[in-house]
PDB file of N, CA and C in Angstrom:
ATOM      1  N   UNK A   1    -117.033 111.362  17.396  1.00  0.00           N
ATOM      2  CA  UNK A   1    -117.513 111.837  16.111  1.00  0.00           C
ATOM      3  C   UNK A   1    -116.660 113.030  15.667  1.00  0.00           C
ATOM      4  N   UNK A   2    -116.219 113.008  14.437  1.00  0.00           N
ATOM      5  CA  UNK A   2    -115.407 114.089  13.893  1.00  0.00           C
ATOM      6  C   UNK A   2    -116.308 115.187  13.366  1.00  0.00           C
ATOM      7  N   UNK A   3    -115.968 116.424  13.708  1.00  0.00           N
ATOM      8  CA  UNK A   3    -116.747 117.547  13.204  1.00  0.00           C
ATOM      9  C   UNK A   3    -116.378 117.859  11.770  1.00  0.00           C
ATOM     10  N   UNK A   4    -117.303 118.439  11.049  1.00  0.00           N
ATOM     11  CA  UNK A   4    -117.076 118.903   9.686  1.00  0.00           C
ATOM     12  C   UNK A   4    -116.694 120.367   9.754  1.00  0.00           C
ATOM     13  N   UNK A   5    -115.656 120.755   9.037  1.00  0.00           N
ATOM     14  CA  UNK A   5    -115.250 122.157   8.951  1.00  0.00           C
ATOM     15  C   UNK A   5    -115.665 122.685   7.593  1.00  0.00           C
ATOM     16  N   UNK A   6    -116.308 123.850   7.595  1.00  0.00           N
ATOM     17  CA  UNK A   6    -116.764 124.494   6.365  1.00  0.00           C
ATOM     18  C   UNK A   6    -115.929 125.755   6.134  1.00  0.00           C
ATOM     19  N   UNK A   7    -115.291 125.848   4.960  1.00  0.00           N
ATOM     20  CA  UNK A   7    -114.466 127.012   4.638  1.00  0.00           C
ATOM     21  C   UNK A   7    -115.222 127.940   3.703  1.00  0.00           C
ATOM     22  N   UNK A   8    -115.293 129.208   4.101  1.00  0.00           N
ATOM     23  CA  UNK A   8    -115.990 130.249   3.345  1.00  0.00           C
ATOM     24  C   UNK A   8    -117.408 129.809   2.976  1.00  0.00           C
ATOM     25  N   UNK A   9    -118.211 129.463   3.973  1.00  0.00           N
ATOM     26  CA  UNK A   9    -119.580 129.049   3.654  1.00  0.00           C
ATOM     27  C   UNK A   9    -120.408 130.217   3.120  1.00  0.00           C
ATOM     28  N   UNK A  10    -121.124 129.941   2.064  1.00  0.00           N
ATOM     29  CA  UNK A  10    -122.051 130.903   1.475  1.00  0.00           C
ATOM     30  C   UNK A  10    -123.430 130.271   1.495  1.00  0.00           C
ATOM     31  N   UNK A  11    -124.430 130.941   0.970  1.00  0.00           N
ATOM     32  CA  UNK A  11    -125.783 130.393   1.024  1.00  0.00           C
ATOM     33  C   UNK A  11    -125.903 129.048   0.326  1.00  0.00           C
ATOM     34  N   UNK A  12    -125.264 128.893  -0.845  1.00  0.00           N
ATOM     35  CA  UNK A  12    -125.462 127.641  -1.582  1.00  0.00           C
ATOM     36  C   UNK A  12    -124.284 126.684  -1.560  1.00  0.00           C
ATOM     37  N   UNK A  13    -123.109 127.116  -1.076  1.00  0.00           N
ATOM     38  CA  UNK A  13    -121.958 126.212  -1.030  1.00  0.00           C
ATOM     39  C   UNK A  13    -120.859 126.780  -0.161  1.00  0.00           C
ATOM     40  N   UNK A  14    -119.894 125.917   0.145  1.00  0.00           N
ATOM     41  CA  UNK A  14    -118.664 126.336   0.818  1.00  0.00           C
ATOM     42  C   UNK A  14    -117.524 126.110  -0.158  1.00  0.00           C
ATOM     43  N   UNK A  15    -116.461 126.902  -0.065  1.00  0.00           N
ATOM     44  CA  UNK A  15    -115.303 126.704  -0.944  1.00  0.00           C
ATOM     45  C   UNK A  15    -114.699 125.324  -0.736  1.00  0.00           C
ATOM     46  N   UNK A  16    -114.715 124.866   0.508  1.00  0.00           N
ATOM     47  CA  UNK A  16    -114.192 123.541   0.826  1.00  0.00           C
ATOM     48  C   UNK A  16    -114.798 123.062   2.128  1.00  0.00           C
ATOM     49  N   UNK A  17    -114.809 121.756   2.292  1.00  0.00           N
ATOM     50  CA  UNK A  17    -115.200 121.154   3.555  1.00  0.00           C
ATOM     51  C   UNK A  17    -114.126 120.139   3.934  1.00  0.00           C
ATOM     52  N   UNK A  18    -113.971 119.951   5.236  1.00  0.00           N
ATOM     53  CA  UNK A  18    -113.021 118.969   5.759  1.00  0.00           C
ATOM     54  C   UNK A  18    -113.779 118.002   6.650  1.00  0.00           C
ATOM     55  N   UNK A  19    -113.472 116.726   6.471  1.00  0.00           N
ATOM     56  CA  UNK A  19    -114.074 115.718   7.334  1.00  0.00           C
ATOM     57  C   UNK A  19    -113.143 114.511   7.411  1.00  0.00           C
ATOM     58  N   UNK A  20    -112.818 114.117   8.619  1.00  0.00           N
ATOM     59  CA  UNK A  20    -112.069 112.894   8.853  1.00  0.00           C
ATOM     60  C   UNK A  20    -110.764 112.821   8.042  1.00  0.00           C
ATOM     61  N   UNK A  21    -110.057 113.949   7.957  1.00  0.00           N
ATOM     62  CA  UNK A  21    -108.768 113.980   7.280  1.00  0.00           C
ATOM     63  C   UNK A  21    -108.823 114.132   5.776  1.00  0.00           C
ATOM     64  N   UNK A  22    -110.014 114.385   5.241  1.00  0.00           N
ATOM     65  CA  UNK A  22    -110.192 114.546   3.797  1.00  0.00           C
ATOM     66  C   UNK A  22    -110.735 115.948   3.512  1.00  0.00           C
ATOM     67  N   UNK A  23    -110.195 116.571   2.452  1.00  0.00           N
ATOM     68  CA  UNK A  23    -110.636 117.894   2.000  1.00  0.00           C
ATOM     69  C   UNK A  23    -111.402 117.718   0.699  1.00  0.00           C
ATOM     70  N   UNK A  24    -112.568 118.341   0.635  1.00  0.00           N
ATOM     71  CA  UNK A  24    -113.398 118.334  -0.568  1.00  0.00           C
ATOM     72  C   UNK A  24    -113.559 119.783  -1.008  1.00  0.00           C
ATOM     73  N   UNK A  25    -113.175 120.106  -2.234  1.00  0.00           N
ATOM     74  CA  UNK A  25    -113.365 121.488  -2.684  1.00  0.00           C
ATOM     75  C   UNK A  25    -114.586 121.587  -3.582  1.00  0.00           C
ATOM     76  N   UNK A  26    -115.177 122.756  -3.561  1.00  0.00           N
ATOM     77  CA  UNK A  26    -116.208 123.077  -4.543  1.00  0.00           C
ATOM     78  C   UNK A  26    -115.498 123.295  -5.874  1.00  0.00           C
ATOM     79  N   UNK A  27    -116.244 123.304  -6.949  1.00  0.00           N
ATOM     80  CA  UNK A  27    -115.655 123.613  -8.244  1.00  0.00           C
ATOM     81  C   UNK A  27    -115.089 125.027  -8.219  1.00  0.00           C
ATOM     82  N   UNK A  28    -113.836 125.161  -8.631  1.00  0.00           N
ATOM     83  CA  UNK A  28    -113.170 126.461  -8.644  1.00  0.00           C
ATOM     84  C   UNK A  28    -113.080 126.952 -10.085  1.00  0.00           C
ATOM     85  N   UNK A  29    -113.381 128.223 -10.289  1.00  0.00           N
ATOM     86  CA  UNK A  29    -113.276 128.835 -11.618  1.00  0.00           C
ATOM     87  C   UNK A  29    -112.310 130.008 -11.539  1.00  0.00           C
ATOM     88  N   UNK A  30    -111.819 130.411 -12.686  1.00  0.00           N
ATOM     89  CA  UNK A  30    -110.842 131.492 -12.747  1.00  0.00           C
ATOM     90  C   UNK A  30    -111.438 132.804 -12.246  1.00  0.00           C
ATOM     91  N   UNK A  31    -110.594 133.590 -11.609  1.00  0.00           N
ATOM     92  CA  UNK A  31    -110.991 134.934 -11.204  1.00  0.00           C
ATOM     93  C   UNK A  31    -110.858 135.915 -12.366  1.00  0.00           C
ATOM     94  N   UNK A  32    -110.151 135.510 -13.428  1.00  0.00           N
ATOM     95  CA  UNK A  32    -109.954 136.363 -14.606  1.00  0.00           C
ATOM     96  C   UNK A  32    -110.490 135.645 -15.833  1.00  0.00           C
ATOM     97  N   UNK A  33    -111.725 135.944 -16.180  1.00  0.00           N
ATOM     98  CA  UNK A  33    -112.393 135.259 -17.291  1.00  0.00           C
ATOM     99  C   UNK A  33    -112.007 135.815 -18.657  1.00  0.00           C
ATOM    100  N   UNK A  34    -111.059 136.750 -18.699  1.00  0.00           N
ATOM    101  CA  UNK A  34    -110.559 137.237 -19.988  1.00  0.00           C
ATOM    102  C   UNK A  34    -109.424 136.341 -20.499  1.00  0.00           C
ATOM    103  N   UNK A  35    -108.928 135.447 -19.652  1.00  0.00           N
ATOM    104  CA  UNK A  35    -107.839 134.555 -20.033  1.00  0.00           C
ATOM    105  C   UNK A  35    -108.348 133.417 -20.909  1.00  0.00           C
ATOM    106  N   UNK A  36    -107.441 132.822 -21.674  1.00  0.00           N
ATOM    107  CA  UNK A  36    -107.766 131.630 -22.447  1.00  0.00           C
ATOM    108  C   UNK A  36    -107.774 130.408 -21.548  1.00  0.00           C
ATOM    109  N   UNK A  37    -107.950 129.239 -22.153  1.00  0.00           N
ATOM    110  CA  UNK A  37    -108.053 127.995 -21.381  1.00  0.00           C
ATOM    111  C   UNK A  37    -106.818 127.754 -20.514  1.00  0.00           C
ATOM    112  N   UNK A  38    -105.626 127.875 -21.060  1.00  0.00           N
ATOM    113  CA  UNK A  38    -104.414 127.627 -20.279  1.00  0.00           C
ATOM    114  C   UNK A  38    -104.306 128.609 -19.113  1.00  0.00           C
ATOM    115  N   UNK A  39    -104.582 129.876 -19.365  1.00  0.00           N
ATOM    116  CA  UNK A  39    -104.511 130.888 -18.315  1.00  0.00           C
ATOM    117  C   UNK A  39    -105.556 130.679 -17.240  1.00  0.00           C
ATOM    118  N   UNK A  40    -106.795 130.374 -17.649  1.00  0.00           N
ATOM    119  CA  UNK A  40    -107.838 130.122 -16.655  1.00  0.00           C
ATOM    120  C   UNK A  40    -107.494 128.895 -15.817  1.00  0.00           C
ATOM    121  N   UNK A  41    -106.971 127.850 -16.467  1.00  0.00           N
ATOM    122  CA  UNK A  41    -106.606 126.648 -15.724  1.00  0.00           C
ATOM    123  C   UNK A  41    -105.514 126.952 -14.707  1.00  0.00           C
ATOM    124  N   UNK A  42    -104.488 127.673 -15.127  1.00  0.00           N
ATOM    125  CA  UNK A  42    -103.402 128.039 -14.206  1.00  0.00           C
ATOM    126  C   UNK A  42    -103.938 128.856 -13.034  1.00  0.00           C
ATOM    127  N   UNK A  43    -104.877 129.754 -13.299  1.00  0.00           N
ATOM    128  CA  UNK A  43    -105.463 130.573 -12.235  1.00  0.00           C
ATOM    129  C   UNK A  43    -106.259 129.701 -11.265  1.00  0.00           C
ATOM    130  N   UNK A  44    -107.024 128.763 -11.784  1.00  0.00           N
ATOM    131  CA  UNK A  44    -107.793 127.851 -10.928  1.00  0.00           C
ATOM    132  C   UNK A  44    -106.846 127.018 -10.066  1.00  0.00           C
ATOM    133  N   UNK A  45    -105.779 126.522 -10.657  1.00  0.00           N
ATOM    134  CA  UNK A  45    -104.831 125.700  -9.903  1.00  0.00           C
ATOM    135  C   UNK A  45    -104.132 126.510  -8.816  1.00  0.00           C
ATOM    136  N   UNK A  46    -103.871 127.773  -9.080  1.00  0.00           N
ATOM    137  CA  UNK A  46    -103.312 128.674  -8.056  1.00  0.00           C
ATOM    138  C   UNK A  46    -104.301 128.791  -6.888  1.00  0.00           C
ATOM    139  N   UNK A  47    -105.574 128.936  -7.200  1.00  0.00           N
ATOM    140  CA  UNK A  47    -106.599 129.021  -6.157  1.00  0.00           C
ATOM    141  C   UNK A  47    -106.681 127.720  -5.362  1.00  0.00           C
ATOM    142  N   UNK A  48    -106.574 126.596  -6.059  1.00  0.00           N
ATOM    143  CA  UNK A  48    -106.624 125.297  -5.381  1.00  0.00           C
ATOM    144  C   UNK A  48    -105.431 125.149  -4.443  1.00  0.00           C
ATOM    145  N   UNK A  49    -104.242 125.585  -4.881  1.00  0.00           N
ATOM    146  CA  UNK A  49    -103.071 125.559  -3.993  1.00  0.00           C
ATOM    147  C   UNK A  49    -103.358 126.300  -2.691  1.00  0.00           C
ATOM    148  N   UNK A  50    -103.913 127.499  -2.807  1.00  0.00           N
ATOM    149  CA  UNK A  50    -104.209 128.319  -1.623  1.00  0.00           C
ATOM    150  C   UNK A  50    -105.271 127.659  -0.748  1.00  0.00           C
ATOM    151  N   UNK A  51    -106.284 127.103  -1.371  1.00  0.00           N
ATOM    152  CA  UNK A  51    -107.362 126.455  -0.623  1.00  0.00           C
ATOM    153  C   UNK A  51    -106.846 125.211   0.103  1.00  0.00           C
ATOM    154  N   UNK A  52    -106.018 124.428  -0.572  1.00  0.00           N
ATOM    155  CA  UNK A  52    -105.446 123.249   0.081  1.00  0.00           C
ATOM    156  C   UNK A  52    -104.571 123.644   1.265  1.00  0.00           C
ATOM    157  N   UNK A  53    -103.761 124.681   1.097  1.00  0.00           N
ATOM    158  CA  UNK A  53    -102.912 125.149   2.198  1.00  0.00           C
ATOM    159  C   UNK A  53    -103.772 125.572   3.388  1.00  0.00           C
ATOM    160  N   UNK A  54    -104.847 126.264   3.112  1.00  0.00           N
ATOM    161  CA  UNK A  54    -105.765 126.712   4.169  1.00  0.00           C
ATOM    162  C   UNK A  54    -106.362 125.518   4.920  1.00  0.00           C
ATOM    163  N   UNK A  55    -106.529 124.412   4.209  1.00  0.00           N
ATOM    164  CA  UNK A  55    -107.150 123.219   4.793  1.00  0.00           C
ATOM    165  C   UNK A  55    -106.129 122.215   5.313  1.00  0.00           C
ATOM    166  N   UNK A  56    -104.850 122.586   5.314  1.00  0.00           N
ATOM    167  CA  UNK A  56    -103.827 121.676   5.811  1.00  0.00           C
ATOM    168  C   UNK A  56    -103.512 120.539   4.857  1.00  0.00           C
ATOM    169  N   UNK A  57    -103.486 120.841   3.566  1.00  0.00           N
ATOM    170  CA  UNK A  57    -103.168 119.828   2.574  1.00  0.00           C
ATOM    171  C   UNK A  57    -102.253 120.436   1.516  1.00  0.00           C
ATOM    172  N   UNK A  58    -102.019 119.689   0.451  1.00  0.00           N
ATOM    173  CA  UNK A  58    -101.089 120.100  -0.603  1.00  0.00           C
ATOM    174  C   UNK A  58    -101.439 119.323  -1.871  1.00  0.00           C
ATOM    175  N   UNK A  59    -101.027 119.853  -3.015  1.00  0.00           N
ATOM    176  CA  UNK A  59    -101.351 119.177  -4.278  1.00  0.00           C
ATOM    177  C   UNK A  59    -100.777 117.763  -4.347  1.00  0.00           C
ATOM    178  N   UNK A  60     -99.723 117.474  -3.601  1.00  0.00           N
ATOM    179  CA  UNK A  60     -99.162 116.125  -3.577  1.00  0.00           C
ATOM    180  C   UNK A  60    -100.068 115.141  -2.836  1.00  0.00           C
ATOM    181  N   UNK A  61    -101.110 115.653  -2.187  1.00  0.00           N
ATOM    182  CA  UNK A  61    -102.039 114.825  -1.411  1.00  0.00           C
ATOM    183  C   UNK A  61    -103.398 114.680  -2.089  1.00  0.00           C
ATOM    184  N   UNK A  62    -103.524 115.153  -3.342  1.00  0.00           N
ATOM    185  CA  UNK A  62    -104.801 115.063  -4.050  1.00  0.00           C
ATOM    186  C   UNK A  62    -105.097 113.603  -4.383  1.00  0.00           C
ATOM    187  N   UNK A  63    -106.293 113.179  -4.051  1.00  0.00           N
ATOM    188  CA  UNK A  63    -106.750 111.821  -4.328  1.00  0.00           C
ATOM    189  C   UNK A  63    -107.443 111.739  -5.684  1.00  0.00           C
ATOM    190  N   UNK A  64    -108.293 112.727  -5.969  1.00  0.00           N
ATOM    191  CA  UNK A  64    -109.008 112.726  -7.241  1.00  0.00           C
ATOM    192  C   UNK A  64    -109.342 114.154  -7.648  1.00  0.00           C
ATOM    193  N   UNK A  65    -109.519 114.326  -8.946  1.00  0.00           N
ATOM    194  CA  UNK A  65    -109.890 115.627  -9.499  1.00  0.00           C
ATOM    195  C   UNK A  65    -110.917 115.412 -10.604  1.00  0.00           C
ATOM    196  N   UNK A  66    -111.866 116.323 -10.667  1.00  0.00           N
ATOM    197  CA  UNK A  66    -112.813 116.353 -11.772  1.00  0.00           C
ATOM    198  C   UNK A  66    -112.653 117.706 -12.442  1.00  0.00           C
ATOM    199  N   UNK A  67    -112.386 117.664 -13.738  1.00  0.00           N
ATOM    200  CA  UNK A  67    -112.156 118.875 -14.527  1.00  0.00           C
ATOM    201  C   UNK A  67    -113.295 118.999 -15.528  1.00  0.00           C
ATOM    202  N   UNK A  68    -113.959 120.135 -15.493  1.00  0.00           N
ATOM    203  CA  UNK A  68    -115.030 120.424 -16.445  1.00  0.00           C
ATOM    204  C   UNK A  68    -114.504 121.449 -17.442  1.00  0.00           C
ATOM    205  N   UNK A  69    -114.635 121.167 -18.736  1.00  0.00           N
ATOM    206  CA  UNK A  69    -114.210 122.095 -19.782  1.00  0.00           C
ATOM    207  C   UNK A  69    -115.388 122.366 -20.704  1.00  0.00           C
ATOM    208  N   UNK A  70    -115.418 123.557 -21.248  1.00  0.00           N
ATOM    209  CA  UNK A  70    -116.534 123.915 -22.126  1.00  0.00           C
ATOM    210  C   UNK A  70    -116.392 123.324 -23.517  1.00  0.00           C
ATOM    211  N   UNK A  71    -115.170 122.972 -23.902  1.00  0.00           N
ATOM    212  CA  UNK A  71    -114.926 122.476 -25.249  1.00  0.00           C
ATOM    213  C   UNK A  71    -113.737 121.523 -25.211  1.00  0.00           C
ATOM    214  N   UNK A  72    -113.970 120.256 -25.549  1.00  0.00           N
ATOM    215  CA  UNK A  72    -112.895 119.263 -25.520  1.00  0.00           C
ATOM    216  C   UNK A  72    -111.771 119.610 -26.493  1.00  0.00           C
ATOM    217  N   UNK A  73    -112.042 120.438 -27.484  1.00  0.00           N
ATOM    218  CA  UNK A  73    -110.987 120.873 -28.401  1.00  0.00           C
ATOM    219  C   UNK A  73    -109.930 121.699 -27.665  1.00  0.00           C
ATOM    220  N   UNK A  74    -110.312 122.296 -26.514  1.00  0.00           N
ATOM    221  CA  UNK A  74    -109.386 123.092 -25.709  1.00  0.00           C
ATOM    222  C   UNK A  74    -108.689 122.279 -24.615  1.00  0.00           C
ATOM    223  N   UNK A  75    -109.022 120.997 -24.511  1.00  0.00           N
ATOM    224  CA  UNK A  75    -108.447 120.149 -23.467  1.00  0.00           C
ATOM    225  C   UNK A  75    -106.919 120.126 -23.498  1.00  0.00           C
ATOM    226  N   UNK A  76    -106.262 120.081 -24.653  1.00  0.00           N
ATOM    227  CA  UNK A  76    -104.793 120.094 -24.639  1.00  0.00           C
ATOM    228  C   UNK A  76    -104.205 121.326 -23.937  1.00  0.00           C
ATOM    229  N   UNK A  77    -104.868 122.479 -24.044  1.00  0.00           N
ATOM    230  CA  UNK A  77    -104.400 123.684 -23.350  1.00  0.00           C
ATOM    231  C   UNK A  77    -104.575 123.536 -21.844  1.00  0.00           C
ATOM    232  N   UNK A  78    -105.687 122.940 -21.435  1.00  0.00           N
ATOM    233  CA  UNK A  78    -105.901 122.680 -20.010  1.00  0.00           C
ATOM    234  C   UNK A  78    -104.846 121.699 -19.513  1.00  0.00           C
ATOM    235  N   UNK A  79    -104.607 120.626 -20.285  1.00  0.00           N
ATOM    236  CA  UNK A  79    -103.615 119.619 -19.899  1.00  0.00           C
ATOM    237  C   UNK A  79    -102.218 120.225 -19.759  1.00  0.00           C
ATOM    238  N   UNK A  80    -101.889 121.182 -20.611  1.00  0.00           N
ATOM    239  CA  UNK A  80    -100.567 121.816 -20.533  1.00  0.00           C
ATOM    240  C   UNK A  80    -100.379 122.524 -19.186  1.00  0.00           C
ATOM    241  N   UNK A  81    -101.388 123.278 -18.768  1.00  0.00           N
ATOM    242  CA  UNK A  81    -101.320 123.955 -17.470  1.00  0.00           C
ATOM    243  C   UNK A  81    -101.330 122.930 -16.339  1.00  0.00           C
ATOM    244  N   UNK A  82    -102.151 121.901 -16.470  1.00  0.00           N
ATOM    245  CA  UNK A  82    -102.243 120.853 -15.444  1.00  0.00           C
ATOM    246  C   UNK A  82    -100.886 120.167 -15.262  1.00  0.00           C
ATOM    247  N   UNK A  83    -100.249 119.775 -16.364  1.00  0.00           N
ATOM    248  CA  UNK A  83     -98.984 119.050 -16.295  1.00  0.00           C
ATOM    249  C   UNK A  83     -97.860 119.905 -15.706  1.00  0.00           C
ATOM    250  N   UNK A  84     -97.926 121.210 -15.917  1.00  0.00           N
ATOM    251  CA  UNK A  84     -96.921 122.110 -15.331  1.00  0.00           C
ATOM    252  C   UNK A  84     -97.121 122.242 -13.818  1.00  0.00           C
ATOM    253  N   UNK A  85     -98.308 121.933 -13.335  1.00  0.00           N
ATOM    254  CA  UNK A  85     -98.670 122.127 -11.925  1.00  0.00           C
ATOM    255  C   UNK A  85     -98.680 120.842 -11.105  1.00  0.00           C
ATOM    256  N   UNK A  86     -99.210 119.773 -11.645  1.00  0.00           N
ATOM    257  CA  UNK A  86     -99.461 118.551 -10.873  1.00  0.00           C
ATOM    258  C   UNK A  86     -98.150 117.946 -10.359  1.00  0.00           C
ATOM    259  N   UNK A  87     -98.216 117.318  -9.194  1.00  0.00           N
ATOM    260  CA  UNK A  87     -97.082 116.580  -8.656  1.00  0.00           C
ATOM    261  C   UNK A  87     -96.953 115.304  -9.488  1.00  0.00           C
ATOM    262  N   UNK A  88     -96.000 115.272 -10.393  1.00  0.00           N
ATOM    263  CA  UNK A  88     -95.906 114.168 -11.342  1.00  0.00           C
ATOM    264  C   UNK A  88     -95.505 112.849 -10.687  1.00  0.00           C
ATOM    265  N   UNK A  89     -94.950 112.900  -9.487  1.00  0.00           N
ATOM    266  CA  UNK A  89     -94.650 111.675  -8.751  1.00  0.00           C
ATOM    267  C   UNK A  89     -95.904 111.101  -8.091  1.00  0.00           C
ATOM    268  N   UNK A  90     -96.938 111.948  -7.941  1.00  0.00           N
ATOM    269  CA  UNK A  90     -98.179 111.541  -7.271  1.00  0.00           C
ATOM    270  C   UNK A  90     -99.399 112.079  -8.012  1.00  0.00           C
ATOM    271  N   UNK A  91     -99.574 111.740  -9.281  1.00  0.00           N
ATOM    272  CA  UNK A  91    -100.731 112.267 -10.005  1.00  0.00           C
ATOM    273  C   UNK A  91    -102.022 111.630  -9.487  1.00  0.00           C
ATOM    274  N   UNK A  92    -103.050 112.432  -9.272  1.00  0.00           N
ATOM    275  CA  UNK A  92    -104.312 111.886  -8.757  1.00  0.00           C
ATOM    276  C   UNK A  92    -105.113 111.206  -9.862  1.00  0.00           C
ATOM    277  N   UNK A  93    -106.105 110.451  -9.445  1.00  0.00           N
ATOM    278  CA  UNK A  93    -107.109 109.983 -10.391  1.00  0.00           C
ATOM    279  C   UNK A  93    -107.816 111.239 -10.912  1.00  0.00           C
ATOM    280  N   UNK A  94    -108.138 111.253 -12.218  1.00  0.00           N
ATOM    281  CA  UNK A  94    -108.734 112.472 -12.772  1.00  0.00           C
ATOM    282  C   UNK A  94    -109.705 112.112 -13.884  1.00  0.00           C
ATOM    283  N   UNK A  95    -110.796 112.857 -13.940  1.00  0.00           N
ATOM    284  CA  UNK A  95    -111.745 112.759 -15.045  1.00  0.00           C
ATOM    285  C   UNK A  95    -111.901 114.150 -15.646  1.00  0.00           C
ATOM    286  N   UNK A  96    -112.043 114.200 -16.959  1.00  0.00           N
ATOM    287  CA  UNK A  96    -112.304 115.461 -17.641  1.00  0.00           C
ATOM    288  C   UNK A  96    -113.620 115.307 -18.390  1.00  0.00           C
ATOM    289  N   UNK A  97    -114.515 116.264 -18.167  1.00  0.00           N
ATOM    290  CA  UNK A  97    -115.861 116.200 -18.704  1.00  0.00           C
ATOM    291  C   UNK A  97    -116.180 117.494 -19.437  1.00  0.00           C
ATOM    292  N   UNK A  98    -116.795 117.386 -20.602  1.00  0.00           N
ATOM    293  CA  UNK A  98    -117.253 118.586 -21.297  1.00  0.00           C
ATOM    294  C   UNK A  98    -118.592 119.004 -20.689  1.00  0.00           C
ATOM    295  N   UNK A  99    -118.715 120.291 -20.371  1.00  0.00           N
ATOM    296  CA  UNK A  99    -119.922 120.787 -19.707  1.00  0.00           C
ATOM    297  C   UNK A  99    -120.186 122.236 -20.087  1.00  0.00           C
ATOM    298  N   UNK A 100    -121.423 122.616 -19.984  1.00  0.00           N
ATOM    299  CA  UNK A 100    -121.769 124.032 -20.113  1.00  0.00           C
ATOM    300  C   UNK A 100    -121.439 124.696 -18.789  1.00  0.00           C
ATOM    301  N   UNK A 101    -120.686 125.771 -18.869  1.00  0.00           N
ATOM    302  CA  UNK A 101    -120.303 126.509 -17.671  1.00  0.00           C
ATOM    303  C   UNK A 101    -120.809 127.934 -17.805  1.00  0.00           C
ATOM    304  N   UNK A 102    -120.592 128.768 -16.801  1.00  0.00           N
ATOM    305  CA  UNK A 102    -121.046 130.150 -16.839  1.00  0.00           C
ATOM    306  C   UNK A 102    -120.408 130.933 -17.981  1.00  0.00           C
ATOM    307  N   UNK A 103    -120.936 132.109 -18.233  1.00  0.00           N
ATOM    308  CA  UNK A 103    -120.446 132.966 -19.308  1.00  0.00           C
ATOM    309  C   UNK A 103    -118.940 133.191 -19.175  1.00  0.00           C
ATOM    310  N   UNK A 104    -118.199 132.902 -20.233  1.00  0.00           N
ATOM    311  CA  UNK A 104    -116.750 133.093 -20.327  1.00  0.00           C
ATOM    312  C   UNK A 104    -115.933 132.165 -19.432  1.00  0.00           C
ATOM    313  N   UNK A 105    -116.584 131.277 -18.693  1.00  0.00           N
ATOM    314  CA  UNK A 105    -115.863 130.292 -17.884  1.00  0.00           C
ATOM    315  C   UNK A 105    -115.498 129.137 -18.811  1.00  0.00           C
ATOM    316  N   UNK A 106    -114.207 128.848 -18.931  1.00  0.00           N
ATOM    317  CA  UNK A 106    -113.742 127.779 -19.810  1.00  0.00           C
ATOM    318  C   UNK A 106    -113.439 126.486 -19.069  1.00  0.00           C
ATOM    319  N   UNK A 107    -113.148 126.594 -17.764  1.00  0.00           N
ATOM    320  CA  UNK A 107    -112.758 125.416 -16.982  1.00  0.00           C
ATOM    321  C   UNK A 107    -113.190 125.577 -15.528  1.00  0.00           C
ATOM    322  N   UNK A 108    -113.572 124.475 -14.926  1.00  0.00           N
ATOM    323  CA  UNK A 108    -113.907 124.427 -13.502  1.00  0.00           C
ATOM    324  C   UNK A 108    -113.310 123.131 -12.961  1.00  0.00           C
ATOM    325  N   UNK A 109    -112.661 123.213 -11.808  1.00  0.00           N
ATOM    326  CA  UNK A 109    -111.989 122.037 -11.250  1.00  0.00           C
ATOM    327  C   UNK A 109    -112.382 121.867  -9.790  1.00  0.00           C
ATOM    328  N   UNK A 110    -112.710 120.626  -9.429  1.00  0.00           N
ATOM    329  CA  UNK A 110    -112.944 120.297  -8.025  1.00  0.00           C
ATOM    330  C   UNK A 110    -112.069 119.108  -7.669  1.00  0.00           C
ATOM    331  N   UNK A 111    -111.584 119.090  -6.444  1.00  0.00           N
ATOM    332  CA  UNK A 111    -110.674 118.036  -6.028  1.00  0.00           C
ATOM    333  C   UNK A 111    -111.067 117.475  -4.658  1.00  0.00           C
ATOM    334  N   UNK A 112    -110.551 116.290  -4.388  1.00  0.00           N
ATOM    335  CA  UNK A 112    -110.615 115.667  -3.081  1.00  0.00           C
ATOM    336  C   UNK A 112    -109.182 115.357  -2.690  1.00  0.00           C
ATOM    337  N   UNK A 113    -108.788 115.724  -1.483  1.00  0.00           N
ATOM    338  CA  UNK A 113    -107.394 115.533  -1.052  1.00  0.00           C
ATOM    339  C   UNK A 113    -107.333 115.080   0.399  1.00  0.00           C
ATOM    340  N   UNK A 114    -106.287 114.344   0.702  1.00  0.00           N
ATOM    341  CA  UNK A 114    -106.013 113.960   2.088  1.00  0.00           C
ATOM    342  C   UNK A 114    -105.272 115.121   2.754  1.00  0.00           C
ATOM    343  N   UNK A 115    -105.533 115.319   4.031  1.00  0.00           N
ATOM    344  CA  UNK A 115    -104.784 116.328   4.766  1.00  0.00           C
ATOM    345  C   UNK A 115    -103.395 115.786   5.084  1.00  0.00           C
ATOM    346  N   UNK A 116    -102.459 116.716   5.349  1.00  0.00           N
ATOM    347  CA  UNK A 116    -101.076 116.291   5.634  1.00  0.00           C
ATOM    348  C   UNK A 116    -100.924 115.905   7.085  1.00  0.00           C
TER     349      UNK A 116
END
């Protein structure tokens, strides 16, 4: 039986969990909520890079991503940051959903990735 690894466990969630060679991240939000959509997205993706590295993975190993945005009118700005970051030779399956998020949070992203 493979053990589950919990990264930065808190009372209600962990930043990421690992099981059987797969990494699951919690929804990540920007650390700087004064930024616009493109800036917040870039900040979230930077955090995801660090989290994947901590879990023995990389953005080229992402299987799927779910992106939550507060306003679909801002989706092109999110896409611009995403396209500058994503491994274009290995783009993951992705869904983008409009959702109510916390105060000043414009985007939240969670991913599933294979370990390297």
